[in-house]
C-alpha atoms as a PDB file:
ATOM      1  CA  MET A   1    -131.010 -82.084 122.100  1.00  0.00           C
ATOM      2  CA  ALA A   2    -132.745 -82.658 118.779  1.00  0.00           C
ATOM      3  CA  LEU A   3    -132.550 -78.929 118.010  1.00  0.00           C
ATOM      4  CA  ALA A   4    -128.789 -79.064 118.545  1.00  0.00           C
ATOM      5  CA  TYR A   5    -128.463 -81.873 116.003  1.00  0.00           C
ATOM      6  CA  TYR A   6    -130.794 -80.078 113.627  1.00  0.00           C
ATOM      7  CA  SER A   7    -128.759 -76.871 113.834  1.00  0.00           C
ATOM      8  CA  CYS A   8    -125.606 -78.668 112.624  1.00  0.00           C
ATOM      9  CA  ALA A   9    -127.227 -79.974 109.454  1.00  0.00           C
ATOM     10  CA  PRO A  10    -126.044 -77.258 107.001  1.00  0.00           C
ATOM     11  CA  LEU A  11    -122.525 -78.590 107.237  1.00  0.00           C
ATOM     12  CA  ALA A  12    -123.840 -82.006 106.273  1.00  0.00           C
ATOM     13  CA  TRP A  13    -125.674 -80.574 103.253  1.00  0.00           C
ATOM     14  CA  ILE A  14    -122.903 -78.311 101.930  1.00  0.00           C
ATOM     15  CA  THR A  15    -120.380 -81.097 101.460  1.00  0.00           C
ATOM     16  CA  PRO A  16    -122.467 -83.311  99.112  1.00  0.00           C
ATOM     17  CA  LEU A  17    -123.475 -80.252  97.092  1.00  0.00           C
ATOM     18  CA  LEU A  18    -119.844 -79.210  96.600  1.00  0.00           C
ATOM     19  CA  VAL A  19    -118.860 -82.765  95.769  1.00  0.00           C
ATOM     20  CA  LEU A  20    -121.662 -82.774  93.210  1.00  0.00           C
ATOM     21  CA  ALA A  21    -120.269 -79.551  91.782  1.00  0.00           C
ATOM     22  CA  GLU A  22    -116.816 -81.134  91.495  1.00  0.00           C
ATOM     23  CA  LEU A  23    -118.234 -84.287  89.895  1.00  0.00           C
ATOM     24  CA  ILE A  24    -120.028 -82.121  87.361  1.00  0.00           C
ATOM     25  CA  LEU A  25    -116.805 -80.310  86.396  1.00  0.00           C
ATOM     26  CA  TRP A  26    -114.626 -83.447  86.349  1.00  0.00           C
ATOM     27  CA  PRO A  27    -115.807 -84.795  82.920  1.00  0.00           C
ATOM     28  CA  MET A  28    -115.001 -81.455  81.301  1.00  0.00           C
ATOM     29  CA  ASN A  29    -111.310 -82.438  81.308  1.00  0.00           C
ATOM     30  CA  ARG A  30    -112.105 -85.724  79.607  1.00  0.00           C
ATOM     31  CA  VAL A  31    -114.333 -84.765  76.694  1.00  0.00           C
ATOM     32  CA  GLU A  32    -114.091 -82.734  73.556  1.00  0.00           C
ATOM     33  CA  HIS A  33    -115.048 -79.186  74.392  1.00  0.00           C
ATOM     34  CA  SER A  34    -118.156 -78.310  72.483  1.00  0.00           C
ATOM     35  CA  TRP A  35    -119.959 -75.098  73.316  1.00  0.00           C
ATOM     36  CA  TRP A  36    -123.191 -76.926  74.201  1.00  0.00           C
ATOM     37  CA  LEU A  37    -121.431 -79.370  76.519  1.00  0.00           C
ATOM     38  CA  VAL A  38    -119.438 -76.671  78.325  1.00  0.00           C
ATOM     39  CA  ASN A  39    -122.606 -74.623  78.849  1.00  0.00           C
ATOM     40  CA  THR A  40    -124.434 -77.634  80.248  1.00  0.00           C
ATOM     41  CA  PHE A  41    -121.649 -78.505  82.700  1.00  0.00           C
ATOM     42  CA  VAL A  42    -121.226 -74.877  83.800  1.00  0.00           C
ATOM     43  CA  SER A  43    -124.978 -74.569  84.336  1.00  0.00           C
ATOM     44  CA  PHE A  44    -125.142 -77.679  86.505  1.00  0.00           C
ATOM     45  CA  TYR A  45    -122.043 -76.521  88.383  1.00  0.00           C
ATOM     46  CA  SER A  46    -123.599 -73.082  89.018  1.00  0.00           C
ATOM     47  CA  VAL A  47    -126.798 -74.621  90.350  1.00  0.00           C
ATOM     48  CA  ALA A  48    -124.859 -76.898  92.730  1.00  0.00           C
ATOM     49  CA  VAL A  49    -122.718 -74.015  94.043  1.00  0.00           C
ATOM     50  CA  LEU A  50    -125.793 -71.789  94.480  1.00  0.00           C
ATOM     51  CA  LEU A  51    -127.572 -74.523  96.404  1.00  0.00           C
ATOM     52  CA  ALA A  52    -124.501 -74.939  98.596  1.00  0.00           C
ATOM     53  CA  ALA A  53    -124.465 -71.171  99.201  1.00  0.00           C
ATOM     54  CA  PHE A  54    -128.188 -70.944 100.066  1.00  0.00           C
ATOM     55  CA  ALA A  55    -128.366 -74.126 102.183  1.00  0.00           C
ATOM     56  CA  PRO A  56    -127.112 -72.444 105.384  1.00  0.00           C
ATOM     57  CA  ILE A  57    -129.490 -69.479 104.940  1.00  0.00           C
ATOM     58  CA  VAL A  58    -132.505 -71.688 104.390  1.00  0.00           C
ATOM     59  CA  TRP A  59    -131.516 -73.973 107.230  1.00  0.00           C
ATOM     60  CA  TRP A  60    -130.984 -70.959 109.519  1.00  0.00           C
ATOM     61  CA  TRP A  61    -134.453 -69.680 108.739  1.00  0.00           C
ATOM     62  CA  THR A  62    -136.044 -73.116 109.174  1.00  0.00           C
ATOM     63  CA  THR A  63    -134.299 -73.601 112.525  1.00  0.00           C
ATOM     64  CA  LEU A  64    -135.586 -70.267 113.756  1.00  0.00           C
ATOM     65  CA  ARG A  65    -139.140 -71.135 112.693  1.00  0.00           C
ATOM     66  CA  LEU A  66    -138.858 -74.526 114.409  1.00  0.00           C
ATOM     67  CA  LEU A  67    -137.556 -72.922 117.607  1.00  0.00           C
ATOM     68  CA  LEU A  68    -140.335 -70.344 117.619  1.00  0.00           C
ATOM     69  CA  ALA A  69    -142.954 -73.017 117.043  1.00  0.00           C
ATOM     70  CA  ALA A  70    -141.500 -75.325 119.718  1.00  0.00           C
ATOM     71  CA  THR A  71    -141.024 -72.704 122.433  1.00  0.00           C
ATOM     72  CA  GLY A  72    -143.275 -69.818 121.437  1.00  0.00           C
ATOM     73  CA  SER A  73    -140.618 -67.428 122.726  1.00  0.00           C
ATOM     74  CA  TRP A  74    -139.503 -64.507 120.524  1.00  0.00           C
ATOM     75  CA  PRO A  75    -136.465 -63.656 122.707  1.00  0.00           C
ATOM     76  CA  ARG A  76    -135.123 -67.200 122.276  1.00  0.00           C
ATOM     77  CA  ALA A  77    -135.613 -67.003 118.518  1.00  0.00           C
ATOM     78  CA  VAL A  78    -133.785 -63.663 118.370  1.00  0.00           C
ATOM     79  CA  ILE A  79    -130.898 -65.015 120.449  1.00  0.00           C
ATOM     80  CA  ALA A  80    -130.758 -68.095 118.274  1.00  0.00           C
ATOM     81  CA  ALA A  81    -130.748 -65.914 115.126  1.00  0.00           C
ATOM     82  CA  ILE A  82    -127.588 -64.247 116.411  1.00  0.00           C
ATOM     83  CA  VAL A  83    -125.847 -67.224 118.017  1.00  0.00           C
ATOM     84  CA  LEU A  84    -126.627 -69.970 115.488  1.00  0.00           C
ATOM     85  CA  PRO A  85    -124.294 -68.690 112.702  1.00  0.00           C
ATOM     86  CA  LEU A  86    -121.529 -68.264 115.334  1.00  0.00           C
ATOM     87  CA  ILE A  87    -122.037 -71.863 116.472  1.00  0.00           C
ATOM     88  CA  TRP A  88    -121.841 -73.033 112.849  1.00  0.00           C
ATOM     89  CA  MET A  89    -118.578 -71.133 112.299  1.00  0.00           C
ATOM     90  CA  VAL A  90    -117.012 -72.567 115.458  1.00  0.00           C
ATOM     91  CA  LEU A  91    -118.167 -76.035 114.489  1.00  0.00           C
ATOM     92  CA  ALA A  92    -116.776 -75.667 110.974  1.00  0.00           C
ATOM     93  CA  ALA A  93    -113.461 -74.397 112.316  1.00  0.00           C
ATOM     94  CA  GLY A  94    -113.358 -77.307 114.764  1.00  0.00           C
ATOM     95  CA  ILE A  95    -114.106 -79.853 112.033  1.00  0.00           C
ATOM     96  CA  PHE A  96    -111.570 -78.442 109.581  1.00  0.00           C
ATOM     97  CA  LEU A  97    -108.829 -77.915 112.161  1.00  0.00           C
ATOM     98  CA  GLY A  98    -109.566 -81.241 113.804  1.00  0.00           C
ATOM     99  CA  LEU A  99    -109.354 -83.009 110.458  1.00  0.00           C
ATOM    100  CA  GLU A 100    -106.063 -81.272 109.707  1.00  0.00           C
ATOM    101  CA  PHE A 101    -104.660 -82.337 113.116  1.00  0.00           C
ATOM    102  CA  VAL A 102    -105.807 -85.932 112.670  1.00  0.00           C
ATOM    103  CA  LEU A 103    -104.255 -86.178 109.204  1.00  0.00           C
ATOM    104  CA  ASN A 104    -100.968 -84.656 110.361  1.00  0.00           C
ATOM    105  CA  TYR A 105    -100.887 -86.953 113.382  1.00  0.00           C
ATOM    106  CA  GLY A 106    -101.497 -89.959 111.137  1.00  0.00           C
ATOM    107  CA  ALA A 107     -98.741 -88.827 108.783  1.00  0.00           C
ATOM    108  CA  LEU A 108     -96.400 -88.387 111.773  1.00  0.00           C
ATOM    109  CA  VAL A 109     -97.216 -91.867 113.095  1.00  0.00           C
ATOM    110  CA  LEU A 110     -96.730 -93.470 109.705  1.00  0.00           C
ATOM    111  CA  ARG A 111     -93.464 -91.613 109.180  1.00  0.00           C
ATOM    112  CA  GLY A 112     -92.229 -92.635 112.616  1.00  0.00           C
ATOM    113  CA  ALA A 113     -93.081 -96.311 111.945  1.00  0.00           C
ATOM    114  CA  ARG A 114     -90.602 -96.522 109.098  1.00  0.00           C
END
């Protein structure tokens, strides 16, 4: 059970990193654009986006190492290496579609209450 929770963690790490990237870019609309300031914001933004891109890869590798250490079984690790990204994609689709359905349902209920 703990491995199942651990395997879902990249989705939890990507969101704060992308929010950080957005918060880094937000002040650029508010300040005078000097070359040094733009370079600084773009550099921080690039680092946040790169971390968000590499988080699932690192987490995938760490999960496989944890599974191999916990079970000692190479076939399970190979199966997990193939199935884990598929599980993450299904989970992401479920979260994003579920969120869309919940928001649309809430809008429908609020519109019907008028």
